[in-house]
């Protein structure tokens, strides 16, 4: 009700943090080649 744009920015930042963390975890476990 107060600030829809602020919510969207916060959610995007947290989404990016989660994606970066997942990428870091996945980088440690690569399919054996």
ModelCIF file with pLDDT and N, C-alpha, C, O atoms, coordinates in Angstrom:
data_MODEL
#
_entry.id   MODEL 
#
_entity.id                         1 
_entity.type                       polymer 
_entity.pdbx_number_of_molecules   1 
#
_entity_poly.entity_id                      1 
_entity_poly.type                           'polypeptide(L)' 
_entity_poly.nstd_linkage                   no 
_entity_poly.nstd_monomer                   no 
_entity_poly.pdbx_seq_one_letter_code       
;(UNK)(UNK)(UNK)(UNK)(UNK)(UNK)(UNK)(UNK)(UNK)(UNK)(UNK)(UNK)(UNK)(UNK)(UNK)(UNK)
(UNK)(UNK)(UNK)(UNK)(UNK)(UNK)(UNK)(UNK)(UNK)(UNK)(UNK)(UNK)(UNK)(UNK)(UNK)(UNK)
(UNK)
;
_entity_poly.pdbx_seq_one_letter_code_can   XXXXXXXXXXXXXXXXXXXXXXXXXXXXXXXXX 
_entity_poly.pdbx_strand_id                 A 
#
loop_
_entity_poly_seq.entity_id 
_entity_poly_seq.num 
_entity_poly_seq.mon_id 
_entity_poly_seq.hetero 
1 1  UNK n 
1 2  UNK n 
1 3  UNK n 
1 4  UNK n 
1 5  UNK n 
1 6  UNK n 
1 7  UNK n 
1 8  UNK n 
1 9  UNK n 
1 10 UNK n 
1 11 UNK n 
1 12 UNK n 
1 13 UNK n 
1 14 UNK n 
1 15 UNK n 
1 16 UNK n 
1 17 UNK n 
1 18 UNK n 
1 19 UNK n 
1 20 UNK n 
1 21 UNK n 
1 22 UNK n 
1 23 UNK n 
1 24 UNK n 
1 25 UNK n 
1 26 UNK n 
1 27 UNK n 
1 28 UNK n 
1 29 UNK n 
1 30 UNK n 
1 31 UNK n 
1 32 UNK n 
1 33 UNK n 
#
_struct_asym.id          A 
_struct_asym.entity_id   1 
#
loop_
_ma_qa_metric.id 
_ma_qa_metric.mode 
_ma_qa_metric.name 
_ma_qa_metric.software_group_id 
_ma_qa_metric.type 
1 global pLDDT . pLDDT 
2 local  pLDDT . pLDDT 
#
_ma_qa_metric_global.metric_id      1 
_ma_qa_metric_global.metric_value   58.82 
_ma_qa_metric_global.model_id       1 
_ma_qa_metric_global.ordinal_id     1 
#
loop_
_ma_qa_metric_local.label_asym_id 
_ma_qa_metric_local.label_comp_id 
_ma_qa_metric_local.label_seq_id 
_ma_qa_metric_local.metric_id 
_ma_qa_metric_local.metric_value 
_ma_qa_metric_local.model_id 
_ma_qa_metric_local.ordinal_id 
A UNK 1  2 38.00 1 1  
A UNK 2  2 41.00 1 2  
A UNK 3  2 44.00 1 3  
A UNK 4  2 47.00 1 4  
A UNK 5  2 52.00 1 5  
A UNK 6  2 54.00 1 6  
A UNK 7  2 46.00 1 7  
A UNK 8  2 54.00 1 8  
A UNK 9  2 59.00 1 9  
A UNK 10 2 53.00 1 10 
A UNK 11 2 52.00 1 11 
A UNK 12 2 63.00 1 12 
A UNK 13 2 62.00 1 13 
A UNK 14 2 56.00 1 14 
A UNK 15 2 60.00 1 15 
A UNK 16 2 64.00 1 16 
A UNK 17 2 61.00 1 17 
A UNK 18 2 56.00 1 18 
A UNK 19 2 58.00 1 19 
A UNK 20 2 62.00 1 20 
A UNK 21 2 57.00 1 21 
A UNK 22 2 55.00 1 22 
A UNK 23 2 59.00 1 23 
A UNK 24 2 57.00 1 24 
A UNK 25 2 52.00 1 25 
A UNK 26 2 54.00 1 26 
A UNK 27 2 54.00 1 27 
A UNK 28 2 58.00 1 28 
A UNK 29 2 64.00 1 29 
A UNK 30 2 80.00 1 30 
A UNK 31 2 86.00 1 31 
A UNK 32 2 92.00 1 32 
A UNK 33 2 91.00 1 33 
#
loop_
_atom_site.group_PDB 
_atom_site.id 
_atom_site.type_symbol 
_atom_site.label_atom_id 
_atom_site.label_alt_id 
_atom_site.label_comp_id 
_atom_site.label_asym_id 
_atom_site.label_entity_id 
_atom_site.label_seq_id 
_atom_site.pdbx_PDB_ins_code 
_atom_site.Cartn_x 
_atom_site.Cartn_y 
_atom_site.Cartn_z 
_atom_site.occupancy 
_atom_site.B_iso_or_equiv 
_atom_site.pdbx_formal_charge 
_atom_site.auth_seq_id 
_atom_site.auth_comp_id 
_atom_site.auth_asym_id 
_atom_site.auth_atom_id 
_atom_site.pdbx_PDB_model_num 
ATOM 1   N N  . UNK A 1 1  ? 0.815  -1.198  0.000   1.00 38.00 ? 1  UNK A N  1 
ATOM 2   C CA . UNK A 1 1  ? 0.000  0.000   0.000   1.00 38.00 ? 1  UNK A CA 1 
ATOM 3   C C  . UNK A 1 1  ? 0.855  1.257   0.000   1.00 38.00 ? 1  UNK A C  1 
ATOM 4   O O  . UNK A 1 1  ? 0.472  2.284   -0.561  1.00 38.00 ? 1  UNK A O  1 
ATOM 5   N N  . UNK A 1 2  ? 2.032  1.164   0.645   1.00 41.00 ? 2  UNK A N  1 
ATOM 6   C CA . UNK A 1 2  ? 2.862  2.360   0.790   1.00 41.00 ? 2  UNK A CA 1 
ATOM 7   C C  . UNK A 1 2  ? 3.813  2.543   -0.393  1.00 41.00 ? 2  UNK A C  1 
ATOM 8   O O  . UNK A 1 2  ? 3.968  3.642   -0.926  1.00 41.00 ? 2  UNK A O  1 
ATOM 9   N N  . UNK A 1 3  ? 4.452  1.423   -0.794  1.00 44.00 ? 3  UNK A N  1 
ATOM 10  C CA . UNK A 1 3  ? 5.498  1.611   -1.800  1.00 44.00 ? 3  UNK A CA 1 
ATOM 11  C C  . UNK A 1 3  ? 5.723  0.310   -2.568  1.00 44.00 ? 3  UNK A C  1 
ATOM 12  O O  . UNK A 1 3  ? 6.594  -0.483  -2.209  1.00 44.00 ? 3  UNK A O  1 
ATOM 13  N N  . UNK A 1 4  ? 4.957  0.099   -3.600  1.00 47.00 ? 4  UNK A N  1 
ATOM 14  C CA . UNK A 1 4  ? 5.071  -1.130  -4.370  1.00 47.00 ? 4  UNK A CA 1 
ATOM 15  C C  . UNK A 1 4  ? 6.432  -1.251  -5.042  1.00 47.00 ? 4  UNK A C  1 
ATOM 16  O O  . UNK A 1 4  ? 7.001  -2.341  -5.112  1.00 47.00 ? 4  UNK A O  1 
ATOM 17  N N  . UNK A 1 5  ? 6.950  -0.140  -5.531  1.00 52.00 ? 5  UNK A N  1 
ATOM 18  C CA . UNK A 1 5  ? 8.240  -0.163  -6.220  1.00 52.00 ? 5  UNK A CA 1 
ATOM 19  C C  . UNK A 1 5  ? 9.365  -0.600  -5.296  1.00 52.00 ? 5  UNK A C  1 
ATOM 20  O O  . UNK A 1 5  ? 10.263 -1.333  -5.711  1.00 52.00 ? 5  UNK A O  1 
ATOM 21  N N  . UNK A 1 6  ? 9.320  -0.146  -4.022  1.00 54.00 ? 6  UNK A N  1 
ATOM 22  C CA . UNK A 1 6  ? 10.357 -0.512  -3.051  1.00 54.00 ? 6  UNK A CA 1 
ATOM 23  C C  . UNK A 1 6  ? 10.343 -2.022  -2.790  1.00 54.00 ? 6  UNK A C  1 
ATOM 24  O O  . UNK A 1 6  ? 11.390 -2.656  -2.666  1.00 54.00 ? 6  UNK A O  1 
ATOM 25  N N  . UNK A 1 7  ? 9.129  -2.580  -2.710  1.00 46.00 ? 7  UNK A N  1 
ATOM 26  C CA . UNK A 1 7  ? 9.017  -4.029  -2.488  1.00 46.00 ? 7  UNK A CA 1 
ATOM 27  C C  . UNK A 1 7  ? 9.662  -4.789  -3.644  1.00 46.00 ? 7  UNK A C  1 
ATOM 28  O O  . UNK A 1 7  ? 10.426 -5.730  -3.429  1.00 46.00 ? 7  UNK A O  1 
ATOM 29  N N  . UNK A 1 8  ? 9.345  -4.371  -4.882  1.00 54.00 ? 8  UNK A N  1 
ATOM 30  C CA . UNK A 1 8  ? 9.884  -5.067  -6.042  1.00 54.00 ? 8  UNK A CA 1 
ATOM 31  C C  . UNK A 1 8  ? 11.409 -5.023  -6.056  1.00 54.00 ? 8  UNK A C  1 
ATOM 32  O O  . UNK A 1 8  ? 12.053 -6.005  -6.424  1.00 54.00 ? 8  UNK A O  1 
ATOM 33  N N  . UNK A 1 9  ? 11.994 -3.885  -5.654  1.00 59.00 ? 9  UNK A N  1 
ATOM 34  C CA . UNK A 1 9  ? 13.448 -3.771  -5.625  1.00 59.00 ? 9  UNK A CA 1 
ATOM 35  C C  . UNK A 1 9  ? 14.060 -4.710  -4.585  1.00 59.00 ? 9  UNK A C  1 
ATOM 36  O O  . UNK A 1 9  ? 15.074 -5.363  -4.832  1.00 59.00 ? 9  UNK A O  1 
ATOM 37  N N  . UNK A 1 10 ? 13.418 -4.759  -3.421  1.00 53.00 ? 10 UNK A N  1 
ATOM 38  C CA . UNK A 1 10 ? 13.937 -5.629  -2.365  1.00 53.00 ? 10 UNK A CA 1 
ATOM 39  C C  . UNK A 1 10 ? 13.856 -7.102  -2.779  1.00 53.00 ? 10 UNK A C  1 
ATOM 40  O O  . UNK A 1 10 ? 14.784 -7.879  -2.554  1.00 53.00 ? 10 UNK A O  1 
ATOM 41  N N  . UNK A 1 11 ? 12.708 -7.470  -3.395  1.00 52.00 ? 11 UNK A N  1 
ATOM 42  C CA . UNK A 1 11 ? 12.560 -8.849  -3.830  1.00 52.00 ? 11 UNK A CA 1 
ATOM 43  C C  . UNK A 1 11 ? 13.582 -9.205  -4.904  1.00 52.00 ? 11 UNK A C  1 
ATOM 44  O O  . UNK A 1 11 ? 14.126 -10.309 -4.884  1.00 52.00 ? 11 UNK A O  1 
ATOM 45  N N  . UNK A 1 12 ? 13.855 -8.305  -5.834  1.00 63.00 ? 12 UNK A N  1 
ATOM 46  C CA . UNK A 1 12 ? 14.838 -8.563  -6.891  1.00 63.00 ? 12 UNK A CA 1 
ATOM 47  C C  . UNK A 1 12 ? 16.224 -8.762  -6.310  1.00 63.00 ? 12 UNK A C  1 
ATOM 48  O O  . UNK A 1 12 ? 16.967 -9.636  -6.756  1.00 63.00 ? 12 UNK A O  1 
ATOM 49  N N  . UNK A 1 13 ? 16.580 -7.953  -5.312  1.00 62.00 ? 13 UNK A N  1 
ATOM 50  C CA . UNK A 1 13 ? 17.896 -8.078  -4.687  1.00 62.00 ? 13 UNK A CA 1 
ATOM 51  C C  . UNK A 1 13 ? 18.052 -9.431  -3.992  1.00 62.00 ? 13 UNK A C  1 
ATOM 52  O O  . UNK A 1 13 ? 19.090 -10.086 -4.091  1.00 62.00 ? 13 UNK A O  1 
ATOM 53  N N  . UNK A 1 14 ? 16.978 -9.836  -3.279  1.00 56.00 ? 14 UNK A N  1 
ATOM 54  C CA . UNK A 1 14 ? 17.048 -11.116 -2.593  1.00 56.00 ? 14 UNK A CA 1 
ATOM 55  C C  . UNK A 1 14 ? 17.066 -12.283 -3.584  1.00 56.00 ? 14 UNK A C  1 
ATOM 56  O O  . UNK A 1 14 ? 17.747 -13.282 -3.355  1.00 56.00 ? 14 UNK A O  1 
ATOM 57  N N  . UNK A 1 15 ? 16.316 -12.155 -4.687  1.00 60.00 ? 15 UNK A N  1 
ATOM 58  C CA . UNK A 1 15 ? 16.358 -13.178 -5.727  1.00 60.00 ? 15 UNK A CA 1 
ATOM 59  C C  . UNK A 1 15 ? 17.760 -13.345 -6.285  1.00 60.00 ? 15 UNK A C  1 
ATOM 60  O O  . UNK A 1 15 ? 18.231 -14.464 -6.489  1.00 60.00 ? 15 UNK A O  1 
ATOM 61  N N  . UNK A 1 16 ? 18.425 -12.214 -6.533  1.00 64.00 ? 16 UNK A N  1 
ATOM 62  C CA . UNK A 1 16 ? 19.786 -12.263 -7.063  1.00 64.00 ? 16 UNK A CA 1 
ATOM 63  C C  . UNK A 1 16 ? 20.738 -12.905 -6.065  1.00 64.00 ? 16 UNK A C  1 
ATOM 64  O O  . UNK A 1 16 ? 21.605 -13.690 -6.449  1.00 64.00 ? 16 UNK A O  1 
ATOM 65  N N  . UNK A 1 17 ? 20.580 -12.575 -4.779  1.00 61.00 ? 17 UNK A N  1 
ATOM 66  C CA . UNK A 1 17 ? 21.437 -13.175 -3.751  1.00 61.00 ? 17 UNK A CA 1 
ATOM 67  C C  . UNK A 1 17 ? 21.247 -14.684 -3.693  1.00 61.00 ? 17 UNK A C  1 
ATOM 68  O O  . UNK A 1 17 ? 22.212 -15.438 -3.571  1.00 61.00 ? 17 UNK A O  1 
ATOM 69  N N  . UNK A 1 18 ? 19.985 -15.119 -3.782  1.00 56.00 ? 18 UNK A N  1 
ATOM 70  C CA . UNK A 1 18 ? 19.717 -16.554 -3.757  1.00 56.00 ? 18 UNK A CA 1 
ATOM 71  C C  . UNK A 1 18 ? 20.314 -17.246 -4.973  1.00 56.00 ? 18 UNK A C  1 
ATOM 72  O O  . UNK A 1 18 ? 20.875 -18.336 -4.864  1.00 56.00 ? 18 UNK A O  1 
ATOM 73  N N  . UNK A 1 19 ? 20.188 -16.595 -6.152  1.00 58.00 ? 19 UNK A N  1 
ATOM 74  C CA . UNK A 1 19 ? 20.738 -17.197 -7.371  1.00 58.00 ? 19 UNK A CA 1 
ATOM 75  C C  . UNK A 1 19 ? 22.260 -17.294 -7.286  1.00 58.00 ? 19 UNK A C  1 
ATOM 76  O O  . UNK A 1 19 ? 22.848 -18.304 -7.673  1.00 58.00 ? 19 UNK A O  1 
ATOM 77  N N  . UNK A 1 20 ? 22.895 -16.229 -6.774  1.00 62.00 ? 20 UNK A N  1 
ATOM 78  C CA . UNK A 1 20 ? 24.355 -16.262 -6.655  1.00 62.00 ? 20 UNK A CA 1 
ATOM 79  C C  . UNK A 1 20 ? 24.807 -17.359 -5.710  1.00 62.00 ? 20 UNK A C  1 
ATOM 80  O O  . UNK A 1 20 ? 25.811 -18.031 -5.946  1.00 62.00 ? 20 UNK A O  1 
ATOM 81  N N  . UNK A 1 21 ? 24.039 -17.532 -4.623  1.00 57.00 ? 21 UNK A N  1 
ATOM 82  C CA . UNK A 1 21 ? 24.403 -18.579 -3.664  1.00 57.00 ? 21 UNK A CA 1 
ATOM 83  C C  . UNK A 1 21 ? 24.255 -19.956 -4.295  1.00 57.00 ? 21 UNK A C  1 
ATOM 84  O O  . UNK A 1 21 ? 25.096 -20.832 -4.091  1.00 57.00 ? 21 UNK A O  1 
ATOM 85  N N  . UNK A 1 22 ? 23.179 -20.145 -5.067  1.00 55.00 ? 22 UNK A N  1 
ATOM 86  C CA . UNK A 1 22 ? 22.984 -21.425 -5.732  1.00 55.00 ? 22 UNK A CA 1 
ATOM 87  C C  . UNK A 1 22 ? 24.082 -21.677 -6.759  1.00 55.00 ? 22 UNK A C  1 
ATOM 88  O O  . UNK A 1 22 ? 24.575 -22.797 -6.887  1.00 55.00 ? 22 UNK A O  1 
ATOM 89  N N  . UNK A 1 23 ? 24.467 -20.625 -7.494  1.00 59.00 ? 23 UNK A N  1 
ATOM 90  C CA . UNK A 1 23 ? 25.545 -20.772 -8.476  1.00 59.00 ? 23 UNK A CA 1 
ATOM 91  C C  . UNK A 1 23 ? 26.841 -21.164 -7.794  1.00 59.00 ? 23 UNK A C  1 
ATOM 92  O O  . UNK A 1 23 ? 27.606 -21.977 -8.312  1.00 59.00 ? 23 UNK A O  1 
ATOM 93  N N  . UNK A 1 24 ? 27.089 -20.571 -6.609  1.00 57.00 ? 24 UNK A N  1 
ATOM 94  C CA . UNK A 1 24 ? 28.316 -20.899 -5.889  1.00 57.00 ? 24 UNK A CA 1 
ATOM 95  C C  . UNK A 1 24 ? 28.315 -22.359 -5.440  1.00 57.00 ? 24 UNK A C  1 
ATOM 96  O O  . UNK A 1 24 ? 29.322 -23.057 -5.555  1.00 57.00 ? 24 UNK A O  1 
ATOM 97  N N  . UNK A 1 25 ? 27.172 -22.809 -4.930  1.00 52.00 ? 25 UNK A N  1 
ATOM 98  C CA . UNK A 1 25 ? 27.063 -24.199 -4.501  1.00 52.00 ? 25 UNK A CA 1 
ATOM 99  C C  . UNK A 1 25 ? 27.235 -25.140 -5.686  1.00 52.00 ? 25 UNK A C  1 
ATOM 100 O O  . UNK A 1 25 ? 27.964 -26.129 -5.611  1.00 52.00 ? 25 UNK A O  1 
ATOM 101 N N  . UNK A 1 26 ? 26.547 -24.815 -6.783  1.00 54.00 ? 26 UNK A N  1 
ATOM 102 C CA . UNK A 1 26 ? 26.626 -25.687 -7.949  1.00 54.00 ? 26 UNK A CA 1 
ATOM 103 C C  . UNK A 1 26 ? 28.017 -25.714 -8.556  1.00 54.00 ? 26 UNK A C  1 
ATOM 104 O O  . UNK A 1 26 ? 28.427 -26.721 -9.133  1.00 54.00 ? 26 UNK A O  1 
ATOM 105 N N  . UNK A 1 27 ? 28.752 -24.601 -8.427  1.00 54.00 ? 27 UNK A N  1 
ATOM 106 C CA . UNK A 1 27 ? 30.116 -24.558 -8.960  1.00 54.00 ? 27 UNK A CA 1 
ATOM 107 C C  . UNK A 1 27 ? 31.017 -25.533 -8.231  1.00 54.00 ? 27 UNK A C  1 
ATOM 108 O O  . UNK A 1 27 ? 32.006 -26.002 -8.796  1.00 54.00 ? 27 UNK A O  1 
ATOM 109 N N  . UNK A 1 28 ? 30.694 -25.846 -6.987  1.00 58.00 ? 28 UNK A N  1 
ATOM 110 C CA . UNK A 1 28 ? 31.501 -26.776 -6.209  1.00 58.00 ? 28 UNK A CA 1 
ATOM 111 C C  . UNK A 1 28 ? 31.194 -28.228 -6.566  1.00 58.00 ? 28 UNK A C  1 
ATOM 112 O O  . UNK A 1 28 ? 31.980 -29.118 -6.242  1.00 58.00 ? 28 UNK A O  1 
ATOM 113 N N  . UNK A 1 29 ? 30.077 -28.478 -7.220  1.00 64.00 ? 29 UNK A N  1 
ATOM 114 C CA . UNK A 1 29 ? 29.695 -29.838 -7.573  1.00 64.00 ? 29 UNK A CA 1 
ATOM 115 C C  . UNK A 1 29 ? 29.361 -29.884 -9.062  1.00 64.00 ? 29 UNK A C  1 
ATOM 116 O O  . UNK A 1 29 ? 28.241 -29.590 -9.480  1.00 64.00 ? 29 UNK A O  1 
ATOM 117 N N  . UNK A 1 30 ? 30.369 -30.262 -9.846  1.00 80.00 ? 30 UNK A N  1 
ATOM 118 C CA . UNK A 1 30 ? 30.243 -30.307 -11.290 1.00 80.00 ? 30 UNK A CA 1 
ATOM 119 C C  . UNK A 1 30 ? 30.027 -31.759 -11.709 1.00 80.00 ? 30 UNK A C  1 
ATOM 120 O O  . UNK A 1 30 ? 30.539 -32.679 -11.072 1.00 80.00 ? 30 UNK A O  1 
ATOM 121 N N  . UNK A 1 31 ? 29.278 -31.953 -12.767 1.00 86.00 ? 31 UNK A N  1 
ATOM 122 C CA . UNK A 1 31 ? 29.111 -33.303 -13.279 1.00 86.00 ? 31 UNK A CA 1 
ATOM 123 C C  . UNK A 1 31 ? 30.465 -33.880 -13.654 1.00 86.00 ? 31 UNK A C  1 
ATOM 124 O O  . UNK A 1 31 ? 31.260 -33.230 -14.333 1.00 86.00 ? 31 UNK A O  1 
ATOM 125 N N  . UNK A 1 32 ? 30.724 -35.099 -13.211 1.00 92.00 ? 32 UNK A N  1 
ATOM 126 C CA . UNK A 1 32 ? 32.022 -35.721 -13.454 1.00 92.00 ? 32 UNK A CA 1 
ATOM 127 C C  . UNK A 1 32 ? 32.232 -35.935 -14.951 1.00 92.00 ? 32 UNK A C  1 
ATOM 128 O O  . UNK A 1 32 ? 31.366 -36.477 -15.638 1.00 92.00 ? 32 UNK A O  1 
ATOM 129 N N  . UNK A 1 33 ? 33.400 -35.501 -15.450 1.00 91.00 ? 33 UNK A N  1 
ATOM 130 C CA . UNK A 1 33 ? 33.660 -35.526 -16.894 1.00 91.00 ? 33 UNK A CA 1 
ATOM 131 C C  . UNK A 1 33 ? 34.876 -36.377 -17.252 1.00 91.00 ? 33 UNK A C  1 
ATOM 132 O O  . UNK A 1 33 ? 35.222 -36.496 -18.427 1.00 91.00 ? 33 UNK A O  1 
#
